[in-house]
Each structure stands twice: as structure tokens, then as C-alpha cells.
C-alpha atoms as a PDB file:
ATOM      1  CA  MET A   1      -7.541  40.751   3.173  1.00  0.00           C
ATOM      2  CA  GLY A   2      -4.451  40.003   1.064  1.00  0.00           C
ATOM      3  CA  ALA A   3      -3.726  36.829  -0.891  1.00  0.00           C
ATOM      4  CA  LEU A   4      -1.316  35.540   1.757  1.00  0.00           C
ATOM      5  CA  ALA A   5      -3.871  36.046   4.543  1.00  0.00           C
ATOM      6  CA  HIS A   6      -6.491  34.207   2.439  1.00  0.00           C
ATOM      7  CA  GLN A   7      -4.094  31.275   2.040  1.00  0.00           C
ATOM      8  CA  GLU A   8      -3.354  31.176   5.773  1.00  0.00           C
ATOM      9  CA  VAL A   9      -7.066  31.072   6.611  1.00  0.00           C
ATOM     10  CA  ALA A  10      -7.666  28.374   3.971  1.00  0.00           C
ATOM     11  CA  PHE A  11      -4.905  26.133   5.333  1.00  0.00           C
ATOM     12  CA  SER A  12      -6.036  26.665   8.939  1.00  0.00           C
ATOM     13  CA  PHE A  13      -9.604  25.832   7.916  1.00  0.00           C
ATOM     14  CA  LEU A  14      -8.590  22.687   6.031  1.00  0.00           C
ATOM     15  CA  GLY A  15      -6.347  21.645   8.915  1.00  0.00           C
ATOM     16  CA  GLY A  16      -9.280  21.908  11.316  1.00  0.00           C
ATOM     17  CA  LEU A  17     -11.612  19.986   9.044  1.00  0.00           C
ATOM     18  CA  GLY A  18      -9.161  17.130   8.524  1.00  0.00           C
ATOM     19  CA  PRO A  19      -9.348  15.002  11.677  1.00  0.00           C
ATOM     20  CA  ALA A  20     -12.901  16.073  12.519  1.00  0.00           C
ATOM     21  CA  VAL A  21     -14.542  15.503   9.152  1.00  0.00           C
ATOM     22  CA  TRP A  22     -12.694  13.152   6.800  1.00  0.00           C
ATOM     23  CA  PRO A  23     -13.354   9.923   8.753  1.00  0.00           C
ATOM     24  CA  ARG A  24     -17.069  10.776   8.919  1.00  0.00           C
ATOM     25  CA  LEU A  25     -17.802  11.673   5.295  1.00  0.00           C
ATOM     26  CA  THR A  26     -19.120   8.203   4.525  1.00  0.00           C
ATOM     27  CA  ALA A  27     -21.600   8.203   7.426  1.00  0.00           C
ATOM     28  CA  SER A  28     -25.185   7.452   6.437  1.00  0.00           C
ATOM     29  CA  GLN A  29     -26.556   9.542   9.326  1.00  0.00           C
ATOM     30  CA  PRO A  30     -26.015  13.226  10.155  1.00  0.00           C
ATOM     31  CA  VAL A  31     -22.907  13.876  12.254  1.00  0.00           C
ATOM     32  CA  HIS A  32     -22.573  16.974  14.451  1.00  0.00           C
ATOM     33  CA  VAL A  33     -19.028  17.765  15.569  1.00  0.00           C
ATOM     34  CA  GLY A  34     -18.862  20.563  18.129  1.00  0.00           C
ATOM     35  CA  GLN A  35     -16.099  23.163  18.330  1.00  0.00           C
ATOM     36  CA  VAL A  36     -14.027  22.008  15.379  1.00  0.00           C
ATOM     37  CA  PHE A  37     -12.869  25.619  15.193  1.00  0.00           C
ATOM     38  CA  ASP A  38     -12.328  28.156  17.938  1.00  0.00           C
ATOM     39  CA  ALA A  39     -15.463  30.319  17.955  1.00  0.00           C
ATOM     40  CA  THR A  40     -13.550  33.598  18.292  1.00  0.00           C
ATOM     41  CA  TRP A  41     -11.321  32.706  15.343  1.00  0.00           C
ATOM     42  CA  ILE A  42     -14.080  31.500  13.011  1.00  0.00           C
ATOM     43  CA  GLU A  43     -16.237  34.554  13.759  1.00  0.00           C
ATOM     44  CA  SER A  44     -13.323  36.839  12.810  1.00  0.00           C
ATOM     45  CA  VAL A  45     -12.735  35.192   9.415  1.00  0.00           C
ATOM     46  CA  PHE A  46     -13.729  37.441   6.506  1.00  0.00           C
ATOM     47  CA  LEU A  47     -16.819  36.599   4.447  1.00  0.00           C
ATOM     48  CA  PRO A  48     -18.086  38.851   1.621  1.00  0.00           C
ATOM     49  CA  LEU A  49     -21.649  39.266   2.902  1.00  0.00           C
ATOM     50  CA  SER A  50     -24.110  42.165   3.142  1.00  0.00           C
ATOM     51  CA  GLU A  51     -22.284  45.455   2.592  1.00  0.00           C
ATOM     52  CA  GLU A  52     -19.030  43.663   1.716  1.00  0.00           C
ATOM     53  CA  LYS A  53     -20.640  41.504  -0.965  1.00  0.00           C
ATOM     54  CA  ALA A  54     -18.648  41.182  -4.189  1.00  0.00           C
ATOM     55  CA  ALA A  55     -20.175  43.066  -7.136  1.00  0.00           C
ATOM     56  CA  GLY A  56     -20.824  39.908  -9.194  1.00  0.00           C
ATOM     57  CA  GLN A  57     -22.151  37.848  -6.307  1.00  0.00           C
ATOM     58  CA  THR A  58     -25.808  36.869  -6.660  1.00  0.00           C
ATOM     59  CA  VAL A  59     -27.939  36.521  -3.566  1.00  0.00           C
ATOM     60  CA  ALA A  60     -31.032  34.327  -3.528  1.00  0.00           C
ATOM     61  CA  LEU A  61     -33.712  35.386  -1.065  1.00  0.00           C
ATOM     62  CA  VAL A  62     -35.427  32.122  -0.132  1.00  0.00           C
ATOM     63  CA  ASP A  63     -39.133  31.755   0.541  1.00  0.00           C
ATOM     64  CA  GLY A  64     -40.193  28.126   0.388  1.00  0.00           C
ATOM     65  CA  LEU A  65     -39.216  26.847  -3.035  1.00  0.00           C
ATOM     66  CA  ASP A  66     -39.127  30.381  -4.456  1.00  0.00           C
ATOM     67  CA  PHE A  67     -35.665  31.858  -4.979  1.00  0.00           C
ATOM     68  CA  HIS A  68     -35.674  35.593  -5.726  1.00  0.00           C
ATOM     69  CA  ARG A  69     -32.213  36.459  -7.028  1.00  0.00           C
ATOM     70  CA  ARG A  70     -30.604  39.884  -6.820  1.00  0.00           C
ATOM     71  CA  SER A  71     -27.057  41.011  -7.460  1.00  0.00           C
ATOM     72  CA  HIS A  72     -26.923  44.721  -6.539  1.00  0.00           C
ATOM     73  CA  ARG A  73     -26.394  45.419  -2.830  1.00  0.00           C
ATOM     74  CA  GLU A  74     -29.206  47.954  -2.701  1.00  0.00           C
ATOM     75  CA  ALA A  75     -31.634  45.563  -4.404  1.00  0.00           C
ATOM     76  CA  VAL A  76     -30.745  42.790  -1.950  1.00  0.00           C
ATOM     77  CA  ALA A  77     -31.221  45.117   1.047  1.00  0.00           C
ATOM     78  CA  ARG A  78     -34.518  46.448  -0.306  1.00  0.00           C
ATOM     79  CA  ALA A  79     -35.883  42.960  -1.056  1.00  0.00           C
ATOM     80  CA  TYR A  80     -34.915  41.780   2.417  1.00  0.00           C
ATOM     81  CA  GLN A  81     -36.635  44.744   4.071  1.00  0.00           C
ATOM     82  CA  GLU A  82     -39.787  44.083   2.069  1.00  0.00           C
ATOM     83  CA  ARG A  83     -39.864  40.443   3.170  1.00  0.00           C
ATOM     84  CA  GLN A  84     -37.388  38.963   5.637  1.00  0.00           C
ATOM     85  CA  ARG A  85     -35.956  35.823   4.042  1.00  0.00           C
ATOM     86  CA  THR A  86     -32.797  33.763   4.327  1.00  0.00           C
ATOM     87  CA  ARG A  87     -30.129  35.130   1.992  1.00  0.00           C
ATOM     88  CA  VAL A  88     -28.067  32.579   0.077  1.00  0.00           C
ATOM     89  CA  TYR A  89     -24.794  33.745  -1.444  1.00  0.00           C
ATOM     90  CA  GLU A  90     -24.715  31.160  -4.212  1.00  0.00           C
ATOM     91  CA  SER A  91     -21.519  29.631  -5.602  1.00  0.00           C
ATOM     92  CA  LEU A  92     -19.435  31.858  -3.358  1.00  0.00           C
ATOM     93  CA  ASP A  93     -16.326  29.967  -4.471  1.00  0.00           C
ATOM     94  CA  VAL A  94     -16.529  31.281  -8.060  1.00  0.00           C
ATOM     95  CA  ARG A  95     -18.402  34.568  -7.680  1.00  0.00           C
ATOM     96  CA  SER A  96     -16.372  36.021  -4.812  1.00  0.00           C
ATOM     97  CA  ASP A  97     -12.666  35.859  -4.150  1.00  0.00           C
ATOM     98  CA  GLY A  98     -11.347  34.538  -0.853  1.00  0.00           C
ATOM     99  CA  TRP A  99     -10.076  31.706   1.295  1.00  0.00           C
ATOM    100  CA  PHE A 100     -13.304  29.713   0.738  1.00  0.00           C
ATOM    101  CA  SER A 101     -12.397  29.427  -2.971  1.00  0.00           C
ATOM    102  CA  THR A 102      -9.099  27.754  -2.043  1.00  0.00           C
ATOM    103  CA  VAL A 103     -10.877  25.427   0.393  1.00  0.00           C
ATOM    104  CA  THR A 104     -13.422  24.492  -2.287  1.00  0.00           C
ATOM    105  CA  LEU A 105     -10.666  23.732  -4.819  1.00  0.00           C
ATOM    106  CA  GLN A 106      -8.811  21.589  -2.291  1.00  0.00           C
ATOM    107  CA  LEU A 107     -11.972  19.670  -1.399  1.00  0.00           C
ATOM    108  CA  THR A 108     -12.709  19.148  -5.089  1.00  0.00           C
ATOM    109  CA  GLY A 109      -9.240  17.698  -5.593  1.00  0.00           C
ATOM    110  CA  MET A 110      -9.441  15.467  -2.535  1.00  0.00           C
ATOM    111  CA  MET A 111     -12.937  14.159  -3.226  1.00  0.00           C
ATOM    112  CA  ARG A 112     -12.529  14.054  -7.035  1.00  0.00           C
ATOM    113  CA  ARG A 113     -16.052  15.416  -7.204  1.00  0.00           C
ATOM    114  CA  HIS A 114     -17.340  18.879  -7.971  1.00  0.00           C
ATOM    115  CA  VAL A 115     -17.741  20.951  -4.783  1.00  0.00           C
ATOM    116  CA  VAL A 116     -19.718  24.198  -4.487  1.00  0.00           C
ATOM    117  CA  CYS A 117     -19.540  26.634  -1.561  1.00  0.00           C
ATOM    118  CA  SER A 118     -22.504  28.824  -0.598  1.00  0.00           C
ATOM    119  CA  ALA A 119     -23.125  31.012   2.440  1.00  0.00           C
ATOM    120  CA  TYR A 120     -26.492  31.220   4.221  1.00  0.00           C
ATOM    121  CA  GLU A 121     -27.272  34.348   6.241  1.00  0.00           C
ATOM    122  CA  SER A 122     -30.426  34.709   8.340  1.00  0.00           C
ATOM    123  CA  HIS A 123     -32.055  36.317  11.345  1.00  0.00           C
ATOM    124  CA  ALA A 124     -34.581  34.791  13.723  1.00  0.00           C
ATOM    125  CA  GLY A 125     -37.975  34.629  12.014  1.00  0.00           C
ATOM    126  CA  ASP A 126     -36.637  34.799   8.457  1.00  0.00           C
ATOM    127  CA  ARG A 127     -38.490  32.693   5.904  1.00  0.00           C
ATOM    128  CA  ASN A 128     -36.569  29.744   4.515  1.00  0.00           C
ATOM    129  CA  LEU A 129     -36.832  26.603   2.367  1.00  0.00           C
ATOM    130  CA  GLY A 130     -38.917  24.592   4.825  1.00  0.00           C
ATOM    131  CA  ALA A 131     -38.394  20.844   5.135  1.00  0.00           C
ATOM    132  CA  HIS A 132     -36.386  19.479   2.210  1.00  0.00           C
ATOM    133  CA  ASP A 133     -33.496  17.240   1.227  1.00  0.00           C
ATOM    134  CA  ASP A 134     -30.453  17.989  -0.907  1.00  0.00           C
ATOM    135  CA  GLU A 135     -28.812  16.197  -3.802  1.00  0.00           C
ATOM    136  CA  TRP A 136     -25.330  16.525  -2.324  1.00  0.00           C
ATOM    137  CA  LEU A 137     -23.297  15.657   0.747  1.00  0.00           C
ATOM    138  CA  GLY A 138     -23.105  18.801   2.856  1.00  0.00           C
ATOM    139  CA  VAL A 139     -20.134  19.786   4.989  1.00  0.00           C
ATOM    140  CA  ILE A 140     -21.670  22.653   6.934  1.00  0.00           C
ATOM    141  CA  THR A 141     -19.638  25.034   9.071  1.00  0.00           C
ATOM    142  CA  GLN A 142     -21.339  27.442  11.456  1.00  0.00           C
ATOM    143  CA  MET A 143     -19.452  30.719  11.015  1.00  0.00           C
ATOM    144  CA  ARG A 144     -21.521  33.144  13.122  1.00  0.00           C
ATOM    145  CA  GLY A 145     -24.380  32.843  15.583  1.00  0.00           C
ATOM    146  CA  ALA A 146     -26.407  29.630  15.784  1.00  0.00           C
ATOM    147  CA  LYS A 147     -28.687  27.462  13.642  1.00  0.00           C
ATOM    148  CA  ARG A 148     -31.357  24.978  14.714  1.00  0.00           C
ATOM    149  CA  TRP A 149     -31.631  21.874  12.530  1.00  0.00           C
ATOM    150  CA  LEU A 150     -34.409  19.324  12.550  1.00  0.00           C
ATOM    151  CA  VAL A 151     -33.090  16.247  10.752  1.00  0.00           C
ATOM    152  CA  TRP A 152     -34.914  13.061   9.834  1.00  0.00           C
ATOM    153  CA  PRO A 153     -32.340  10.235   9.835  1.00  0.00           C
ATOM    154  CA  GLU A 154     -35.208   7.972   8.750  1.00  0.00           C
ATOM    155  CA  PRO A 155     -37.728   9.459   6.297  1.00  0.00           C
ATOM    156  CA  THR A 156     -40.762   8.278   8.274  1.00  0.00           C
ATOM    157  CA  GLY A 157     -39.215   8.616  11.732  1.00  0.00           C
ATOM    158  CA  VAL A 158     -39.167  11.361  14.330  1.00  0.00           C
ATOM    159  CA  PRO A 159     -36.827  14.303  13.655  1.00  0.00           C
ATOM    160  CA  GLU A 160     -33.778  14.943  15.812  1.00  0.00           C
ATOM    161  CA  GLU A 161     -32.798  18.458  16.857  1.00  0.00           C
ATOM    162  CA  ILE A 162     -29.259  19.718  16.387  1.00  0.00           C
ATOM    163  CA  VAL A 163     -28.099  23.229  17.225  1.00  0.00           C
ATOM    164  CA  THR A 164     -24.889  24.353  15.562  1.00  0.00           C
ATOM    165  CA  ARG A 165     -22.911  27.196  17.097  1.00  0.00           C
ATOM    166  CA  ALA A 166     -19.919  29.132  15.791  1.00  0.00           C
ATOM    167  CA  GLY A 167     -17.092  26.664  15.164  1.00  0.00           C
ATOM    168  CA  ASP A 168     -19.309  23.568  14.844  1.00  0.00           C
ATOM    169  CA  VAL A 169     -19.437  21.349  11.756  1.00  0.00           C
ATOM    170  CA  LEU A 170     -22.448  19.332  10.617  1.00  0.00           C
ATOM    171  CA  ILE A 171     -22.067  16.574   8.041  1.00  0.00           C
ATOM    172  CA  LEU A 172     -25.390  16.078   6.311  1.00  0.00           C
ATOM    173  CA  PRO A 173     -25.565  13.052   3.987  1.00  0.00           C
ATOM    174  CA  GLN A 174     -27.226  13.356   0.614  1.00  0.00           C
ATOM    175  CA  GLY A 175     -30.980  12.889   0.716  1.00  0.00           C
ATOM    176  CA  VAL A 176     -31.456  13.397   4.470  1.00  0.00           C
ATOM    177  CA  LYS A 177     -34.582  15.476   5.072  1.00  0.00           C
ATOM    178  CA  HIS A 178     -33.976  18.558   7.211  1.00  0.00           C
ATOM    179  CA  GLU A 179     -35.523  21.865   8.223  1.00  0.00           C
ATOM    180  CA  VAL A 180     -33.679  24.853   9.645  1.00  0.00           C
ATOM    181  CA  SER A 181     -34.461  27.940  11.695  1.00  0.00           C
ATOM    182  CA  THR A 182     -32.469  30.633  13.447  1.00  0.00           C
ATOM    183  CA  PRO A 183     -32.878  30.618  17.248  1.00  0.00           C
ATOM    184  CA  ASP A 184     -33.945  33.815  19.027  1.00  0.00           C
ATOM    185  CA  SER A 185     -30.663  33.718  20.907  1.00  0.00           C
ATOM    186  CA  PRO A 186     -28.420  35.033  19.448  1.00  0.00           C
ATOM    187  CA  GLY A 187     -30.949  35.704  16.673  1.00  0.00           C
ATOM    188  CA  TYR A 188     -28.469  35.605  13.801  1.00  0.00           C
ATOM    189  CA  SER A 189     -26.778  32.900  11.751  1.00  0.00           C
ATOM    190  CA  VAL A 190     -24.196  32.530   9.016  1.00  0.00           C
ATOM    191  CA  HIS A 191     -23.157  29.093   7.874  1.00  0.00           C
ATOM    192  CA  LEU A 192     -21.145  27.840   4.927  1.00  0.00           C
ATOM    193  CA  VAL A 193     -22.173  24.771   2.975  1.00  0.00           C
ATOM    194  CA  PHE A 194     -19.512  22.912   1.038  1.00  0.00           C
ATOM    195  CA  ALA A 195     -21.777  20.833  -1.199  1.00  0.00           C
ATOM    196  CA  ILE A 196     -19.972  17.716  -2.417  1.00  0.00           C
ATOM    197  CA  THR A 197     -21.866  16.659  -5.525  1.00  0.00           C
ATOM    198  CA  ASP A 198     -21.989  13.363  -7.436  1.00  0.00           C
ATOM    199  CA  GLU A 199     -20.422  15.054 -10.459  1.00  0.00           C
ATOM    200  CA  PRO A 200     -16.914  13.633 -11.026  1.00  0.00           C
ATOM    201  CA  VAL A 201     -14.021  15.963 -11.773  1.00  0.00           C
END
């Protein structure tokens, strides 16, 4: 994908996020916005995953709180075959080149806070982090397949179930406990997390 195509995707992505996301970024509860993007379009957008992974891109294979990092494609594939775990393409915005880097820079400028973009790739049954909370505000876009989220709007309350499908956006406030899994149908998931941190720019 050429530089011009990357820019076109970035501007289309930001244009879709605008009306759907900006008014909701201050919400104290999770917000699920369905079909922000056309599913066919978002599934066709290039992401440097698996065989197309950039040479310098690290991948963390997640098993509970253990992160096993690999950078060579063969090592990632071998580690996944040995133990099926969610693969996290960390700091995609600086370790791989593409439209997501432009989106991350634009979000950083708009929010005046440091933003990091990572991609999460998983199959049904893959191990993952388990229930946890994050130290950032997450703008999560489902790029492929589907993801099942259990979210606890109140720490001691009952979790709510949210299923994100290709084109959906989930806004997950900082500190909200959540647990994810990949549904058997379609059995595969890729989502991007634009993590808006507390670190000022």
C-alpha cells in the first residue's frame, strides 16, 4: 500500500470516528457503537499482521499476566503453535508503517495526550489476559471477526456482555474491569486499541 493510499485510509478512519466517538470520550461507562465503519471496508484495510508483520514489530503472546515477546515471524508462529495465545502487536504506530500511525498522531494532537496503537489477534480458545483493567482510555475498533467483552461498569457489580463485530467501536474508560474472549463464530478476531494515556504531549 502506497503513502497516498495510507493517507486516504487514515482520513476515512478519522472521519468515521469523529461523530461516533468524540462526544462519548468523557463517558464514565463503556460505550459500544455499532457499525461505525462498513464491515466490508474495515475488513479490507491493510494491517501488518502474521506473515505481513514488519521486521521490527514485536509480538507479545499473552498468557495471563505473562507476556512472551518475539520479533521474528518464525519465532512468533512457532510459539503460537506450541501454546495458542492472543498475539499483541505492541506499539504498532511506531514499529510498523501505515495508516494507523497517521491516525495515532492525529489523535495525539487532538487529545494532547500520548496515544499508543496496538493490534490484538486471536482465535477462539486462545489464552488471554483474563479479567483486568487498563491505565488508559481505550478507543477499540473491531477490524476482523468478533470479540466478546465482559465489562464491569461497577467494580462489585454484575458484568455486562458486549460483542463487537467488524466495524464496531467500543470506548472503554480507564480503570473499567473487563475480560475478553473470541466467540466460536466466526472464531477469529482482530481489534485495534488506540490507548489514550494520561501522559501529556
